[in-house]
Full PDB file with SEQRES, HELIX, SHEET, SSBOND, CRYST1, ORIGX, SCALE, CONECT and MASTER records, all heavy atoms in Angstrom:
SEQRES   1 A   32  GLU LEU VAL PRO ARG ASN PRO ALA PHE PHE LYS SER LYS          
SEQRES   2 A   32  TYR ASN VAL ASP ILE LEU THR SER HIS GLN VAL LEU ASN          
SEQRES   3 A   32  ILE ASN SER ASN ASP LYS                                      
HELIX    1 AA1 PRO A    7  TYR A   14  1                                   8    
CRYST1    1.000    1.000    1.000  90.00  90.00  90.00 P 1           1          
ORIGX1      1.000000  0.000000  0.000000        0.00000                         
ORIGX2      0.000000  1.000000  0.000000        0.00000                         
ORIGX3      0.000000  0.000000  1.000000        0.00000                         
SCALE1      1.000000  0.000000  0.000000        0.00000                         
SCALE2      0.000000  1.000000  0.000000        0.00000                         
SCALE3      0.000000  0.000000  1.000000        0.00000                         
ATOM      1  N   GLU A   1       0.825  -1.208   0.000  1.00  0.00           N  
ATOM      2  CA  GLU A   1       0.000   0.000   0.000  1.00  0.00           C  
ATOM      3  C   GLU A   1       0.860   1.261   0.000  1.00  0.00           C  
ATOM      4  O   GLU A   1       0.432   2.317  -0.470  1.00  0.00           O  
ATOM      5  CB  GLU A   1      -0.928   0.004   1.209  1.00  0.00           C  
ATOM      6  CG  GLU A   1      -1.961  -1.105   1.208  1.00  0.00           C  
ATOM      7  CD  GLU A   1      -2.778  -1.119   2.497  1.00  0.00           C  
ATOM      8  OE1 GLU A   1      -3.615  -0.218   2.645  1.00  0.00           O  
ATOM      9  OE2 GLU A   1      -2.556  -2.019   3.333  1.00  0.00           O  
ATOM     10  N   LEU A   2       2.077   1.167   0.559  1.00  0.00           N  
ATOM     11  CA  LEU A   2       2.980   2.311   0.616  1.00  0.00           C  
ATOM     12  C   LEU A   2       3.921   2.375  -0.576  1.00  0.00           C  
ATOM     13  O   LEU A   2       4.604   3.377  -0.785  1.00  0.00           O  
ATOM     14  CB  LEU A   2       3.814   2.263   1.901  1.00  0.00           C  
ATOM     15  CG  LEU A   2       3.018   2.330   3.205  1.00  0.00           C  
ATOM     16  CD1 LEU A   2       3.952   2.161   4.390  1.00  0.00           C  
ATOM     17  CD2 LEU A   2       2.264   3.642   3.306  1.00  0.00           C  
ATOM     18  N   VAL A   3       3.976   1.285  -1.341  1.00  0.00           N  
ATOM     19  CA  VAL A   3       4.840   1.243  -2.541  1.00  0.00           C  
ATOM     20  C   VAL A   3       3.954   0.881  -3.729  1.00  0.00           C  
ATOM     21  O   VAL A   3       4.022  -0.233  -4.261  1.00  0.00           O  
ATOM     22  CB  VAL A   3       5.979   0.210  -2.371  1.00  0.00           C  
ATOM     23  CG1 VAL A   3       7.018   0.391  -3.479  1.00  0.00           C  
ATOM     24  CG2 VAL A   3       6.639   0.343  -1.012  1.00  0.00           C  
ATOM     25  N   PRO A   4       3.122   1.824  -4.173  1.00  0.00           N  
ATOM     26  CA  PRO A   4       2.131   1.487  -5.200  1.00  0.00           C  
ATOM     27  C   PRO A   4       2.725   1.369  -6.607  1.00  0.00           C  
ATOM     28  O   PRO A   4       2.066   0.852  -7.500  1.00  0.00           O  
ATOM     29  CB  PRO A   4       1.160   2.664  -5.125  1.00  0.00           C  
ATOM     30  CG  PRO A   4       1.988   3.808  -4.628  1.00  0.00           C  
ATOM     31  CD  PRO A   4       2.994   3.204  -3.701  1.00  0.00           C  
ATOM     32  N   ARG A   5       3.962   1.848  -6.781  1.00  0.00           N  
ATOM     33  CA  ARG A   5       4.545   1.850  -8.123  1.00  0.00           C  
ATOM     34  C   ARG A   5       5.907   1.169  -8.106  1.00  0.00           C  
ATOM     35  O   ARG A   5       6.660   1.281  -7.153  1.00  0.00           O  
ATOM     36  CB  ARG A   5       4.701   3.284  -8.651  1.00  0.00           C  
ATOM     37  CG  ARG A   5       3.376   4.035  -8.713  1.00  0.00           C  
ATOM     38  CD  ARG A   5       3.575   5.466  -9.198  1.00  0.00           C  
ATOM     39  NE  ARG A   5       2.315   6.185  -9.205  1.00  0.00           N  
ATOM     40  CZ  ARG A   5       1.845   6.904  -8.201  1.00  0.00           C  
ATOM     41  NH1 ARG A   5       2.555   6.998  -7.078  1.00  0.00           N  
ATOM     42  NH2 ARG A   5       0.693   7.526  -8.287  1.00  0.00           N  
ATOM     43  N   ASN A   6       6.212   0.477  -9.190  1.00  0.00           N  
ATOM     44  CA  ASN A   6       7.516  -0.172  -9.340  1.00  0.00           C  
ATOM     45  C   ASN A   6       8.116   0.241 -10.684  1.00  0.00           C  
ATOM     46  O   ASN A   6       7.489   0.967 -11.466  1.00  0.00           O  
ATOM     47  CB  ASN A   6       7.361  -1.685  -9.227  1.00  0.00           C  
ATOM     48  CG  ASN A   6       6.388  -2.237 -10.263  1.00  0.00           C  
ATOM     49  OD1 ASN A   6       6.158  -1.630 -11.311  1.00  0.00           O  
ATOM     50  ND2 ASN A   6       5.806  -3.401  -9.979  1.00  0.00           N  
ATOM     51  N   PRO A   7       9.349  -0.179 -10.961  1.00  0.00           N  
ATOM     52  CA  PRO A   7       9.963   0.220 -12.228  1.00  0.00           C  
ATOM     53  C   PRO A   7       9.138  -0.150 -13.454  1.00  0.00           C  
ATOM     54  O   PRO A   7       9.117   0.607 -14.446  1.00  0.00           O  
ATOM     55  CB  PRO A   7      11.300  -0.525 -12.205  1.00  0.00           C  
ATOM     56  CG  PRO A   7      11.642  -0.627 -10.752  1.00  0.00           C  
ATOM     57  CD  PRO A   7      10.331  -0.858 -10.072  1.00  0.00           C  
ATOM     58  N   ALA A   8       8.442  -1.278 -13.395  1.00  0.00           N  
ATOM     59  CA  ALA A   8       7.625  -1.683 -14.547  1.00  0.00           C  
ATOM     60  C   ALA A   8       6.507  -0.678 -14.803  1.00  0.00           C  
ATOM     61  O   ALA A   8       6.165  -0.381 -15.960  1.00  0.00           O  
ATOM     62  CB  ALA A   8       7.041  -3.075 -14.303  1.00  0.00           C  
ATOM     63  N   PHE A   9       5.934  -0.124 -13.728  1.00  0.00           N  
ATOM     64  CA  PHE A   9       4.889   0.895 -13.880  1.00  0.00           C  
ATOM     65  C   PHE A   9       5.441   2.116 -14.603  1.00  0.00           C  
ATOM     66  O   PHE A   9       4.807   2.653 -15.522  1.00  0.00           O  
ATOM     67  CB  PHE A   9       4.347   1.288 -12.501  1.00  0.00           C  
ATOM     68  CG  PHE A   9       3.470   2.515 -12.518  1.00  0.00           C  
ATOM     69  CD1 PHE A   9       2.113   2.404 -12.770  1.00  0.00           C  
ATOM     70  CD2 PHE A   9       4.008   3.782 -12.282  1.00  0.00           C  
ATOM     71  CE1 PHE A   9       1.305   3.534 -12.790  1.00  0.00           C  
ATOM     72  CE2 PHE A   9       3.216   4.910 -12.303  1.00  0.00           C  
ATOM     73  CZ  PHE A   9       1.859   4.787 -12.560  1.00  0.00           C  
ATOM     74  N   PHE A  10       6.616   2.588 -14.178  1.00  0.00           N  
ATOM     75  CA  PHE A  10       7.179   3.792 -14.798  1.00  0.00           C  
ATOM     76  C   PHE A  10       7.580   3.538 -16.252  1.00  0.00           C  
ATOM     77  O   PHE A  10       7.477   4.422 -17.095  1.00  0.00           O  
ATOM     78  CB  PHE A  10       8.372   4.304 -13.986  1.00  0.00           C  
ATOM     79  CG  PHE A  10       7.970   5.190 -12.851  1.00  0.00           C  
ATOM     80  CD1 PHE A  10       7.655   4.659 -11.614  1.00  0.00           C  
ATOM     81  CD2 PHE A  10       7.868   6.555 -13.025  1.00  0.00           C  
ATOM     82  CE1 PHE A  10       7.255   5.461 -10.565  1.00  0.00           C  
ATOM     83  CE2 PHE A  10       7.480   7.383 -11.983  1.00  0.00           C  
ATOM     84  CZ  PHE A  10       7.166   6.831 -10.746  1.00  0.00           C  
ATOM     85  N   LYS A  11       8.026   2.343 -16.528  1.00  0.00           N  
ATOM     86  CA  LYS A  11       8.374   2.019 -17.913  1.00  0.00           C  
ATOM     87  C   LYS A  11       7.123   1.994 -18.781  1.00  0.00           C  
ATOM     88  O   LYS A  11       7.109   2.530 -19.908  1.00  0.00           O  
ATOM     89  CB  LYS A  11       9.083   0.659 -17.964  1.00  0.00           C  
ATOM     90  CG  LYS A  11       9.544   0.258 -19.370  1.00  0.00           C  
ATOM     91  CD  LYS A  11      10.590   1.230 -19.917  1.00  0.00           C  
ATOM     92  CE  LYS A  11      11.132   0.778 -21.267  1.00  0.00           C  
ATOM     93  NZ  LYS A  11      12.089   1.747 -21.846  1.00  0.00           N  
ATOM     94  N   SER A  12       6.064   1.412 -18.251  1.00  0.00           N  
ATOM     95  CA  SER A  12       4.825   1.284 -19.018  1.00  0.00           C  
ATOM     96  C   SER A  12       4.140   2.630 -19.213  1.00  0.00           C  
ATOM     97  O   SER A  12       3.714   2.969 -20.323  1.00  0.00           O  
ATOM     98  CB  SER A  12       3.880   0.319 -18.313  1.00  0.00           C  
ATOM     99  OG  SER A  12       2.619   0.303 -18.928  1.00  0.00           O  
ATOM    100  N   LYS A  13       4.045   3.418 -18.138  1.00  0.00           N  
ATOM    101  CA  LYS A  13       3.275   4.657 -18.223  1.00  0.00           C  
ATOM    102  C   LYS A  13       4.082   5.827 -18.765  1.00  0.00           C  
ATOM    103  O   LYS A  13       3.570   6.656 -19.516  1.00  0.00           O  
ATOM    104  CB  LYS A  13       2.721   5.025 -16.845  1.00  0.00           C  
ATOM    105  CG  LYS A  13       1.854   6.272 -16.874  1.00  0.00           C  
ATOM    106  CD  LYS A  13       1.022   6.431 -15.624  1.00  0.00           C  
ATOM    107  CE  LYS A  13       0.101   7.640 -15.761  1.00  0.00           C  
ATOM    108  NZ  LYS A  13      -0.812   7.773 -14.605  1.00  0.00           N  
ATOM    109  N   TYR A  14       5.359   5.912 -18.390  1.00  0.00           N  
ATOM    110  CA  TYR A  14       6.168   7.081 -18.741  1.00  0.00           C  
ATOM    111  C   TYR A  14       7.339   6.783 -19.662  1.00  0.00           C  
ATOM    112  O   TYR A  14       8.058   7.700 -20.059  1.00  0.00           O  
ATOM    113  CB  TYR A  14       6.703   7.737 -17.466  1.00  0.00           C  
ATOM    114  CG  TYR A  14       5.638   8.292 -16.565  1.00  0.00           C  
ATOM    115  CD1 TYR A  14       5.354   7.701 -15.336  1.00  0.00           C  
ATOM    116  CD2 TYR A  14       4.914   9.427 -16.926  1.00  0.00           C  
ATOM    117  CE1 TYR A  14       4.376   8.206 -14.491  1.00  0.00           C  
ATOM    118  CE2 TYR A  14       3.934   9.949 -16.091  1.00  0.00           C  
ATOM    119  CZ  TYR A  14       3.665   9.329 -14.881  1.00  0.00           C  
ATOM    120  OH  TYR A  14       2.698   9.845 -14.053  1.00  0.00           O  
ATOM    121  N   ASN A  15       7.559   5.504 -19.973  1.00  0.00           N  
ATOM    122  CA  ASN A  15       8.742   5.126 -20.751  1.00  0.00           C  
ATOM    123  C   ASN A  15      10.016   5.640 -20.082  1.00  0.00           C  
ATOM    124  O   ASN A  15      10.901   6.213 -20.710  1.00  0.00           O  
ATOM    125  CB  ASN A  15       8.647   5.645 -22.191  1.00  0.00           C  
ATOM    126  CG  ASN A  15       9.723   5.025 -23.077  1.00  0.00           C  
ATOM    127  OD1 ASN A  15      10.247   3.949 -22.790  1.00  0.00           O  
ATOM    128  ND2 ASN A  15      10.064   5.715 -24.156  1.00  0.00           N  
ATOM    129  N   VAL A  16      10.086   5.435 -18.768  1.00  0.00           N  
ATOM    130  CA  VAL A  16      11.255   5.812 -17.969  1.00  0.00           C  
ATOM    131  C   VAL A  16      11.902   4.526 -17.458  1.00  0.00           C  
ATOM    132  O   VAL A  16      11.223   3.651 -16.918  1.00  0.00           O  
ATOM    133  CB  VAL A  16      10.850   6.708 -16.786  1.00  0.00           C  
ATOM    134  CG1 VAL A  16      12.010   6.882 -15.818  1.00  0.00           C  
ATOM    135  CG2 VAL A  16      10.365   8.060 -17.283  1.00  0.00           C  
ATOM    136  N   ASP A  17      13.207   4.425 -17.625  1.00  0.00           N  
ATOM    137  CA  ASP A  17      13.951   3.260 -17.134  1.00  0.00           C  
ATOM    138  C   ASP A  17      14.454   3.534 -15.721  1.00  0.00           C  
ATOM    139  O   ASP A  17      15.186   4.506 -15.494  1.00  0.00           O  
ATOM    140  CB  ASP A  17      15.141   2.965 -18.047  1.00  0.00           C  
ATOM    141  CG  ASP A  17      14.706   2.549 -19.442  1.00  0.00           C  
ATOM    142  OD1 ASP A  17      13.883   1.624 -19.549  1.00  0.00           O  
ATOM    143  OD2 ASP A  17      15.168   3.176 -20.420  1.00  0.00           O  
ATOM    144  N   ILE A  18      14.050   2.685 -14.781  1.00  0.00           N  
ATOM    145  CA  ILE A  18      14.526   2.812 -13.404  1.00  0.00           C  
ATOM    146  C   ILE A  18      15.332   1.575 -13.049  1.00  0.00           C  
ATOM    147  O   ILE A  18      14.838   0.449 -13.137  1.00  0.00           O  
ATOM    148  CB  ILE A  18      13.358   2.983 -12.420  1.00  0.00           C  
ATOM    149  CG1 ILE A  18      12.552   4.243 -12.746  1.00  0.00           C  
ATOM    150  CG2 ILE A  18      13.878   3.057 -10.985  1.00  0.00           C  
ATOM    151  CD1 ILE A  18      11.405   4.528 -11.793  1.00  0.00           C  
ATOM    152  N   LEU A  19      16.571   1.786 -12.670  1.00  0.00           N  
ATOM    153  CA  LEU A  19      17.452   0.695 -12.263  1.00  0.00           C  
ATOM    154  C   LEU A  19      17.641   0.764 -10.750  1.00  0.00           C  
ATOM    155  O   LEU A  19      18.327   1.658 -10.244  1.00  0.00           O  
ATOM    156  CB  LEU A  19      18.802   0.781 -12.965  1.00  0.00           C  
ATOM    157  CG  LEU A  19      18.829   0.361 -14.451  1.00  0.00           C  
ATOM    158  CD1 LEU A  19      18.230   1.456 -15.334  1.00  0.00           C  
ATOM    159  CD2 LEU A  19      20.261   0.077 -14.898  1.00  0.00           C  
ATOM    160  N   THR A  20      17.006  -0.133 -10.019  1.00  0.00           N  
ATOM    161  CA  THR A  20      17.151  -0.173  -8.571  1.00  0.00           C  
ATOM    162  C   THR A  20      18.422  -0.935  -8.201  1.00  0.00           C  
ATOM    163  O   THR A  20      19.041  -1.602  -9.021  1.00  0.00           O  
ATOM    164  CB  THR A  20      15.931  -0.855  -7.920  1.00  0.00           C  
ATOM    165  OG1 THR A  20      15.798  -2.169  -8.449  1.00  0.00           O  
ATOM    166  CG2 THR A  20      14.660  -0.063  -8.192  1.00  0.00           C  
ATOM    167  N   SER A  21      18.820  -0.803  -6.932  1.00  0.00           N  
ATOM    168  CA  SER A  21      20.066  -1.418  -6.425  1.00  0.00           C  
ATOM    169  C   SER A  21      21.261  -1.013  -7.281  1.00  0.00           C  
ATOM    170  O   SER A  21      22.175  -1.795  -7.515  1.00  0.00           O  
ATOM    171  CB  SER A  21      19.931  -2.951  -6.379  1.00  0.00           C  
ATOM    172  OG  SER A  21      18.874  -3.331  -5.540  1.00  0.00           O  
ATOM    173  N   HIS A  22      21.255   0.225  -7.725  1.00  0.00           N  
ATOM    174  CA  HIS A  22      22.365   0.801  -8.499  1.00  0.00           C  
ATOM    175  C   HIS A  22      22.803   2.095  -7.824  1.00  0.00           C  
ATOM    176  O   HIS A  22      21.995   3.011  -7.655  1.00  0.00           O  
ATOM    177  CB  HIS A  22      21.952   1.086  -9.935  1.00  0.00           C  
ATOM    178  CG  HIS A  22      21.977  -0.125 -10.817  1.00  0.00           C  
ATOM    179  ND1 HIS A  22      21.085  -1.165 -10.670  1.00  0.00           N  
ATOM    180  CD2 HIS A  22      22.789  -0.453 -11.865  1.00  0.00           C  
ATOM    181  CE1 HIS A  22      21.341  -2.084 -11.593  1.00  0.00           C  
ATOM    182  NE2 HIS A  22      22.364  -1.684 -12.321  1.00  0.00           N  
ATOM    183  N   GLN A  23      24.065   2.152  -7.457  1.00  0.00           N  
ATOM    184  CA  GLN A  23      24.617   3.320  -6.782  1.00  0.00           C  
ATOM    185  C   GLN A  23      25.510   4.124  -7.718  1.00  0.00           C  
ATOM    186  O   GLN A  23      26.433   3.557  -8.329  1.00  0.00           O  
ATOM    187  CB  GLN A  23      25.425   2.895  -5.553  1.00  0.00           C  
ATOM    188  CG  GLN A  23      26.039   4.067  -4.790  1.00  0.00           C  
ATOM    189  CD  GLN A  23      26.890   3.618  -3.622  1.00  0.00           C  
ATOM    190  OE1 GLN A  23      27.111   2.410  -3.435  1.00  0.00           O  
ATOM    191  NE2 GLN A  23      27.369   4.556  -2.829  1.00  0.00           N  
ATOM    192  N   VAL A  24      25.245   5.413  -7.827  1.00  0.00           N  
ATOM    193  CA  VAL A  24      26.128   6.286  -8.600  1.00  0.00           C  
ATOM    194  C   VAL A  24      27.309   6.647  -7.713  1.00  0.00           C  
ATOM    195  O   VAL A  24      27.134   7.225  -6.634  1.00  0.00           O  
ATOM    196  CB  VAL A  24      25.390   7.547  -9.085  1.00  0.00           C  
ATOM    197  CG1 VAL A  24      26.363   8.488  -9.803  1.00  0.00           C  
ATOM    198  CG2 VAL A  24      24.242   7.170 -10.014  1.00  0.00           C  
ATOM    199  N   LEU A  25      28.504   6.310  -8.163  1.00  0.00           N  
ATOM    200  CA  LEU A  25      29.713   6.496  -7.363  1.00  0.00           C  
ATOM    201  C   LEU A  25      30.368   7.844  -7.585  1.00  0.00           C  
ATOM    202  O   LEU A  25      30.893   8.456  -6.654  1.00  0.00           O  
ATOM    203  CB  LEU A  25      30.722   5.386  -7.675  1.00  0.00           C  
ATOM    204  CG  LEU A  25      30.248   3.950  -7.449  1.00  0.00           C  
ATOM    205  CD1 LEU A  25      31.323   2.964  -7.923  1.00  0.00           C  
ATOM    206  CD2 LEU A  25      29.912   3.709  -5.986  1.00  0.00           C  
ATOM    207  N   ASN A  26      30.368   8.300  -8.842  1.00  0.00           N  
ATOM    208  CA  ASN A  26      31.064   9.544  -9.184  1.00  0.00           C  
ATOM    209  C   ASN A  26      30.356  10.253 -10.328  1.00  0.00           C  
ATOM    210  O   ASN A  26      29.702   9.622 -11.166  1.00  0.00           O  
ATOM    211  CB  ASN A  26      32.522   9.265  -9.599  1.00  0.00           C  
ATOM    212  CG  ASN A  26      33.386   8.830  -8.428  1.00  0.00           C  
ATOM    213  OD1 ASN A  26      33.635   9.604  -7.508  1.00  0.00           O  
ATOM    214  ND2 ASN A  26      33.822   7.577  -8.453  1.00  0.00           N  
ATOM    215  N   ILE A  27      30.508  11.566 -10.347  1.00  0.00           N  
ATOM    216  CA  ILE A  27      30.003  12.397 -11.446  1.00  0.00           C  
ATOM    217  C   ILE A  27      31.185  13.126 -12.066  1.00  0.00           C  
ATOM    218  O   ILE A  27      31.945  13.805 -11.378  1.00  0.00           O  
ATOM    219  CB  ILE A  27      28.976  13.432 -10.932  1.00  0.00           C  
ATOM    220  CG1 ILE A  27      27.783  12.739 -10.281  1.00  0.00           C  
ATOM    221  CG2 ILE A  27      28.514  14.351 -12.067  1.00  0.00           C  
ATOM    222  CD1 ILE A  27      26.882  13.689  -9.505  1.00  0.00           C  
ATOM    223  N   ASN A  28      31.354  12.979 -13.373  1.00  0.00           N  
ATOM    224  CA  ASN A  28      32.369  13.718 -14.122  1.00  0.00           C  
ATOM    225  C   ASN A  28      31.639  14.760 -14.966  1.00  0.00           C  
ATOM    226  O   ASN A  28      31.138  14.462 -16.050  1.00  0.00           O  
ATOM    227  CB  ASN A  28      33.177  12.766 -15.005  1.00  0.00           C  
ATOM    228  CG  ASN A  28      34.306  13.468 -15.744  1.00  0.00           C  
ATOM    229  OD1 ASN A  28      34.259  14.678 -15.989  1.00  0.00           O  
ATOM    230  ND2 ASN A  28      35.334  12.709 -16.121  1.00  0.00           N  
ATOM    231  N   SER A  29      31.553  15.979 -14.433  1.00  0.00           N  
ATOM    232  CA  SER A  29      30.757  17.005 -15.109  1.00  0.00           C  
ATOM    233  C   SER A  29      31.425  17.514 -16.380  1.00  0.00           C  
ATOM    234  O   SER A  29      30.745  18.021 -17.278  1.00  0.00           O  
ATOM    235  CB  SER A  29      30.499  18.175 -14.160  1.00  0.00           C  
ATOM    236  OG  SER A  29      31.712  18.738 -13.704  1.00  0.00           O  
ATOM    237  N   ASN A  30      32.737  17.386 -16.489  1.00  0.00           N  
ATOM    238  CA  ASN A  30      33.424  17.841 -17.705  1.00  0.00           C  
ATOM    239  C   ASN A  30      33.057  16.973 -18.895  1.00  0.00           C  
ATOM    240  O   ASN A  30      32.791  17.478 -19.995  1.00  0.00           O  
ATOM    241  CB  ASN A  30      34.945  17.820 -17.493  1.00  0.00           C  
ATOM    242  CG  ASN A  30      35.400  18.849 -16.480  1.00  0.00           C  
ATOM    243  OD1 ASN A  30      34.828  19.929 -16.392  1.00  0.00           O  
ATOM    244  ND2 ASN A  30      36.425  18.513 -15.710  1.00  0.00           N  
ATOM    245  N   ASP A  31      33.031  15.658 -18.684  1.00  0.00           N  
ATOM    246  CA  ASP A  31      32.697  14.734 -19.767  1.00  0.00           C  
ATOM    247  C   ASP A  31      31.221  14.359 -19.779  1.00  0.00           C  
ATOM    248  O   ASP A  31      30.774  13.605 -20.652  1.00  0.00           O  
ATOM    249  CB  ASP A  31      33.536  13.453 -19.637  1.00  0.00           C  
ATOM    250  CG  ASP A  31      35.020  13.717 -19.787  1.00  0.00           C  
ATOM    251  OD1 ASP A  31      35.382  14.712 -20.441  1.00  0.00           O  
ATOM    252  OD2 ASP A  31      35.807  12.926 -19.228  1.00  0.00           O  
ATOM    253  N   LYS A  32      30.472  14.843 -18.788  1.00  0.00           N  
ATOM    254  CA  LYS A  32      29.054  14.505 -18.639  1.00  0.00           C  
ATOM    255  C   LYS A  32      28.862  12.986 -18.562  1.00  0.00           C  
ATOM    256  O   LYS A  32      28.081  12.389 -19.286  1.00  0.00           O  
ATOM    257  CB  LYS A  32      28.218  15.119 -19.774  1.00  0.00           C  
ATOM    258  CG  LYS A  32      28.067  16.627 -19.682  1.00  0.00           C  
ATOM    259  CD  LYS A  32      26.968  17.139 -20.605  1.00  0.00           C  
ATOM    260  CE  LYS A  32      26.674  18.598 -20.318  1.00  0.00           C  
ATOM    261  NZ  LYS A  32      25.559  19.110 -21.133  1.00  0.00           N  
TER     262      LYS A  32                                                      
MASTER        0    0    0    1    0    0    0    6  261    1    0    3          
END                                                                             
């Protein structure tokens, strides 16, 4: 009831890819 949406919902409704259990370690803003 508190987690009504999952990655499949966002892919289906918004065509957005959500990768869970993925940690961004670093950002290189020069190379984007």
